[in-house]
Amino acid sequence: MNKKLFFSAIIFICFFIFLFITTVNVSNSSAKESKNTLETAVRRAVVQCYAIEGMYPPDIEYLESLVSN
């Protein structure tokens, strides 16, 4: 096998491994950020419910019914 071809194949494989690892890391970061955003939204909704109604919501369905109305 030609040395240039072998070297090119190794570089090509390394590039795709790097691309795969980067994609996985970005995906994991995005999932964590989505989770944090959801948690923040639920906390705000709970506090808003308490401020308006004087009680914490009994469950998540109660909060969902407030949002849908």
Protein backbone atom coordinates (compact mmCIF):
# COMPACT_ATOMS: atom_id res chain seq x y z
CA MET A 1 0.00 0.00 0.00
CA ASN A 2 1.24 3.46 -0.84
CA LYS A 3 2.42 5.46 2.20
CA LYS A 4 0.55 8.58 1.08
CA LEU A 5 -2.68 6.63 0.70
CA PHE A 6 -2.22 5.01 4.11
CA PHE A 7 -1.49 8.37 5.74
CA SER A 8 -4.53 9.92 4.05
CA ALA A 9 -6.75 7.07 5.25
CA ILE A 10 -5.50 7.49 8.83
CA ILE A 11 -6.17 11.25 8.71
CA PHE A 12 -9.62 10.61 7.24
CA ILE A 13 -10.49 8.10 9.98
CA CYS A 14 -9.20 10.43 12.72
CA PHE A 15 -11.29 13.27 11.31
CA PHE A 16 -14.47 11.20 11.44
CA ILE A 17 -13.72 9.97 14.96
CA PHE A 18 -13.21 13.59 16.03
CA LEU A 19 -16.46 14.59 14.30
CA PHE A 20 -18.37 11.78 16.00
CA ILE A 21 -17.03 12.63 19.47
CA THR A 22 -17.79 16.31 18.97
CA THR A 23 -21.33 15.54 17.86
CA VAL A 24 -21.94 13.35 20.91
CA ASN A 25 -20.58 16.05 23.24
CA VAL A 26 -22.75 18.75 21.67
CA SER A 27 -25.78 16.50 21.91
CA ASN A 28 -25.12 15.80 25.59
CA SER A 29 -24.65 19.51 26.31
CA SER A 30 -27.88 20.31 24.54
CA ALA A 31 -29.77 17.69 26.54
CA LYS A 32 -28.38 19.06 29.82
CA GLU A 33 -29.30 22.61 28.85
CA SER A 34 -32.82 21.51 27.91
CA LYS A 35 -33.20 19.81 31.27
CA ASN A 36 -32.02 22.92 33.10
CA THR A 37 -34.41 25.11 31.11
CA LEU A 38 -37.33 22.82 31.93
CA GLU A 39 -36.45 22.75 35.63
CA THR A 40 -36.25 26.55 35.71
CA ALA A 41 -39.62 26.87 33.98
CA VAL A 42 -41.29 24.47 36.42
CA ARG A 43 -39.81 26.28 39.41
CA ARG A 44 -41.05 29.62 38.10
CA ALA A 45 -44.51 28.20 37.48
CA VAL A 46 -44.63 26.79 41.01
CA VAL A 47 -43.60 30.11 42.54
CA GLN A 48 -46.07 32.00 40.35
CA CYS A 49 -48.85 29.62 41.41
CA TYR A 50 -47.94 30.18 45.05
CA ALA A 51 -47.88 33.96 44.60
CA ILE A 52 -51.26 34.06 42.85
CA GLU A 53 -53.18 31.35 44.69
CA GLY A 54 -51.40 31.25 48.05
CA MET A 55 -50.64 27.54 47.77
CA TYR A 56 -48.20 25.33 45.97
CA PRO A 57 -49.66 23.25 43.15
CA PRO A 58 -50.58 19.74 44.25
CA ASP A 59 -49.10 18.12 41.13
CA ILE A 60 -47.72 18.78 37.68
CA GLU A 61 -51.11 18.24 36.03
CA TYR A 62 -52.41 21.23 37.99
CA LEU A 63 -49.64 23.40 36.55
CA GLU A 64 -50.34 22.07 33.07
CA SER A 65 -54.01 22.98 33.41
CA LEU A 66 -53.03 26.54 34.36
CA VAL A 67 -50.79 26.89 31.34
CA SER A 68 -53.33 25.49 28.90
CA ASN A 69 -56.06 27.89 30.04
